[in-house]
Structure formats: structure tokens, C-alpha cells
Amino acid sequence: MAAIYRYEVPVDDRWHPLQLSGEIVHVDCRALHAVEVWAIHDDSPAQTRSFRVYGTGQPLPDAIEHVGTAIAPGGQLVWHLIEAP
């Protein structure tokens, strides 16, 4: 049986591994220093995937995938969730 789980990726200039068994369905931000990710979770084997948060205008490495964008509370900061290949 599937469910949707919530995960957090801190805004700290580091890569963070998440164990995901399904696709990401939403990215958002309810706090200044963390981006939240909602993903399908089921009985499939989980895969370790690495994510990092970048701010608008911050240089990005090559060969990455943009997962989603979230506006921090107050609207002054915009975070972009990036996945490593």
C-alpha cells in the first residue's frame, strides 16, 4: 500500500541523502532554513538520492536536476531543490 511521506532538506550548502521508494510529488517551504519534500512511499526498495538547496543566483554544479522551487515564508528568499545525478 502506498502513502505520501514528508522529508526535510536543510538550507546549509551541503548534500543530504534521502531514502525514497517513489516519485516526488511536491516541494515547499514553511520555515526559512529547510525545504520540505513530499514523495510517494510504497513497498518498493528505497533508493538513496542526494539533494541540496540552492538560493536564487547561487552558482550550480554541472549535471544536476532541478526538482522544485519553494518561496520561504515572507517571500524574500527563494530556494531551489537540486538533485545530484
C-alpha atoms as a PDB file:
ATOM      1  CA  MET A   1       0.000   0.000   0.000  1.00  0.00           C
ATOM      2  CA  ALA A   2       1.304   3.469  -0.877  1.00  0.00           C
ATOM      3  CA  ALA A   3       1.328   6.644   1.201  1.00  0.00           C
ATOM      4  CA  ILE A   4       2.832  10.111   0.883  1.00  0.00           C
ATOM      5  CA  TYR A   5       5.691  10.893   3.295  1.00  0.00           C
ATOM      6  CA  ARG A   6       7.269  14.256   4.123  1.00  0.00           C
ATOM      7  CA  TYR A   7      11.034  14.820   4.224  1.00  0.00           C
ATOM      8  CA  GLU A   8      13.166  17.885   5.001  1.00  0.00           C
ATOM      9  CA  VAL A   9      16.335  19.128   3.325  1.00  0.00           C
ATOM     10  CA  PRO A  10      18.167  21.789   5.370  1.00  0.00           C
ATOM     11  CA  VAL A  11      19.363  25.004   3.768  1.00  0.00           C
ATOM     12  CA  ASP A  12      23.038  24.566   4.705  1.00  0.00           C
ATOM     13  CA  ASP A  13      25.117  24.282   1.498  1.00  0.00           C
ATOM     14  CA  ARG A  14      25.507  20.501   1.899  1.00  0.00           C
ATOM     15  CA  TRP A  15      24.169  17.439   0.087  1.00  0.00           C
ATOM     16  CA  HIS A  16      21.652  15.344   2.020  1.00  0.00           C
ATOM     17  CA  PRO A  17      20.745  11.716   1.273  1.00  0.00           C
ATOM     18  CA  LEU A  18      17.090  10.704   1.319  1.00  0.00           C
ATOM     19  CA  GLN A  19      15.820   7.137   1.107  1.00  0.00           C
ATOM     20  CA  LEU A  20      12.941   7.316  -1.392  1.00  0.00           C
ATOM     21  CA  SER A  21      10.888   4.490  -2.840  1.00  0.00           C
ATOM     22  CA  GLY A  22       8.704   6.611  -5.118  1.00  0.00           C
ATOM     23  CA  GLU A  23       8.425   9.848  -7.009  1.00  0.00           C
ATOM     24  CA  ILE A  24       8.490  13.338  -5.512  1.00  0.00           C
ATOM     25  CA  VAL A  25       5.064  14.940  -5.733  1.00  0.00           C
ATOM     26  CA  HIS A  26       5.602  18.363  -4.100  1.00  0.00           C
ATOM     27  CA  VAL A  27       8.286  20.762  -2.845  1.00  0.00           C
ATOM     28  CA  ASP A  28       7.507  23.633  -0.466  1.00  0.00           C
ATOM     29  CA  CYS A  29       8.880  25.696   2.398  1.00  0.00           C
ATOM     30  CA  ARG A  30       7.249  26.506   5.745  1.00  0.00           C
ATOM     31  CA  ALA A  31      10.433  27.554   7.563  1.00  0.00           C
ATOM     32  CA  LEU A  32      13.366  29.747   6.496  1.00  0.00           C
ATOM     33  CA  HIS A  33      16.054  27.095   6.897  1.00  0.00           C
ATOM     34  CA  ALA A  34      14.515  23.919   5.434  1.00  0.00           C
ATOM     35  CA  VAL A  35      12.828  22.851   2.225  1.00  0.00           C
ATOM     36  CA  GLU A  36      10.177  20.161   2.535  1.00  0.00           C
ATOM     37  CA  VAL A  37       9.661  17.334   0.068  1.00  0.00           C
ATOM     38  CA  TRP A  38       6.602  15.098  -0.229  1.00  0.00           C
ATOM     39  CA  ALA A  39       7.115  11.791  -2.004  1.00  0.00           C
ATOM     40  CA  ILE A  40       5.225   8.588  -2.668  1.00  0.00           C
ATOM     41  CA  HIS A  41       6.300   5.823  -0.308  1.00  0.00           C
ATOM     42  CA  ASP A  42       5.461   2.198  -1.032  1.00  0.00           C
ATOM     43  CA  ASP A  43       6.876  -1.280  -0.516  1.00  0.00           C
ATOM     44  CA  SER A  44       9.371  -0.902  -3.369  1.00  0.00           C
ATOM     45  CA  PRO A  45      13.049  -0.948  -2.416  1.00  0.00           C
ATOM     46  CA  ALA A  46      14.179   2.535  -1.417  1.00  0.00           C
ATOM     47  CA  GLN A  47      16.952   4.260  -3.325  1.00  0.00           C
ATOM     48  CA  THR A  48      19.387   6.716  -1.792  1.00  0.00           C
ATOM     49  CA  ARG A  49      19.086  10.042  -3.610  1.00  0.00           C
ATOM     50  CA  SER A  50      21.105  13.180  -2.778  1.00  0.00           C
ATOM     51  CA  PHE A  51      19.551  16.645  -2.558  1.00  0.00           C
ATOM     52  CA  ARG A  52      20.795  20.134  -1.825  1.00  0.00           C
ATOM     53  CA  VAL A  53      19.095  23.500  -1.556  1.00  0.00           C
ATOM     54  CA  TYR A  54      20.406  26.445  -3.578  1.00  0.00           C
ATOM     55  CA  GLY A  55      19.305  30.055  -3.396  1.00  0.00           C
ATOM     56  CA  THR A  56      18.398  32.138  -6.424  1.00  0.00           C
ATOM     57  CA  GLY A  57      21.599  33.405  -8.058  1.00  0.00           C
ATOM     58  CA  GLN A  58      23.842  30.848  -6.357  1.00  0.00           C
ATOM     59  CA  PRO A  59      26.153  29.019  -8.822  1.00  0.00           C
ATOM     60  CA  LEU A  60      25.040  25.476  -9.660  1.00  0.00           C
ATOM     61  CA  PRO A  61      27.286  22.485 -10.380  1.00  0.00           C
ATOM     62  CA  ASP A  62      27.144  20.720 -13.741  1.00  0.00           C
ATOM     63  CA  ALA A  63      24.921  17.689 -14.327  1.00  0.00           C
ATOM     64  CA  ILE A  64      22.219  18.306 -11.757  1.00  0.00           C
ATOM     65  CA  GLU A  65      18.440  18.060 -11.895  1.00  0.00           C
ATOM     66  CA  HIS A  66      16.087  20.787 -10.690  1.00  0.00           C
ATOM     67  CA  VAL A  67      13.391  19.135  -8.560  1.00  0.00           C
ATOM     68  CA  GLY A  68      11.355  22.130  -7.441  1.00  0.00           C
ATOM     69  CA  THR A  69      11.299  25.711  -6.211  1.00  0.00           C
ATOM     70  CA  ALA A  70       9.889  26.990  -2.925  1.00  0.00           C
ATOM     71  CA  ILE A  71       9.361  30.512  -1.612  1.00  0.00           C
ATOM     72  CA  ALA A  72      10.358  30.900   2.035  1.00  0.00           C
ATOM     73  CA  PRO A  73       7.911  32.500   4.485  1.00  0.00           C
ATOM     74  CA  GLY A  74       7.849  36.253   3.985  1.00  0.00           C
ATOM     75  CA  GLY A  75       8.668  35.934   0.287  1.00  0.00           C
ATOM     76  CA  GLN A  76      12.195  37.369   0.449  1.00  0.00           C
ATOM     77  CA  LEU A  77      14.077  34.099  -0.127  1.00  0.00           C
ATOM     78  CA  VAL A  78      13.516  31.596  -2.932  1.00  0.00           C
ATOM     79  CA  TRP A  79      15.010  28.119  -2.584  1.00  0.00           C
ATOM     80  CA  HIS A  80      15.622  25.610  -5.378  1.00  0.00           C
ATOM     81  CA  LEU A  81      15.817  21.893  -4.590  1.00  0.00           C
ATOM     82  CA  ILE A  82      18.514  20.232  -6.711  1.00  0.00           C
ATOM     83  CA  GLU A  83      19.209  16.515  -7.081  1.00  0.00           C
ATOM     84  CA  ALA A  84      22.676  15.107  -7.765  1.00  0.00           C
ATOM     85  CA  PRO A  85      22.957  12.657 -10.671  1.00  0.00           C
END
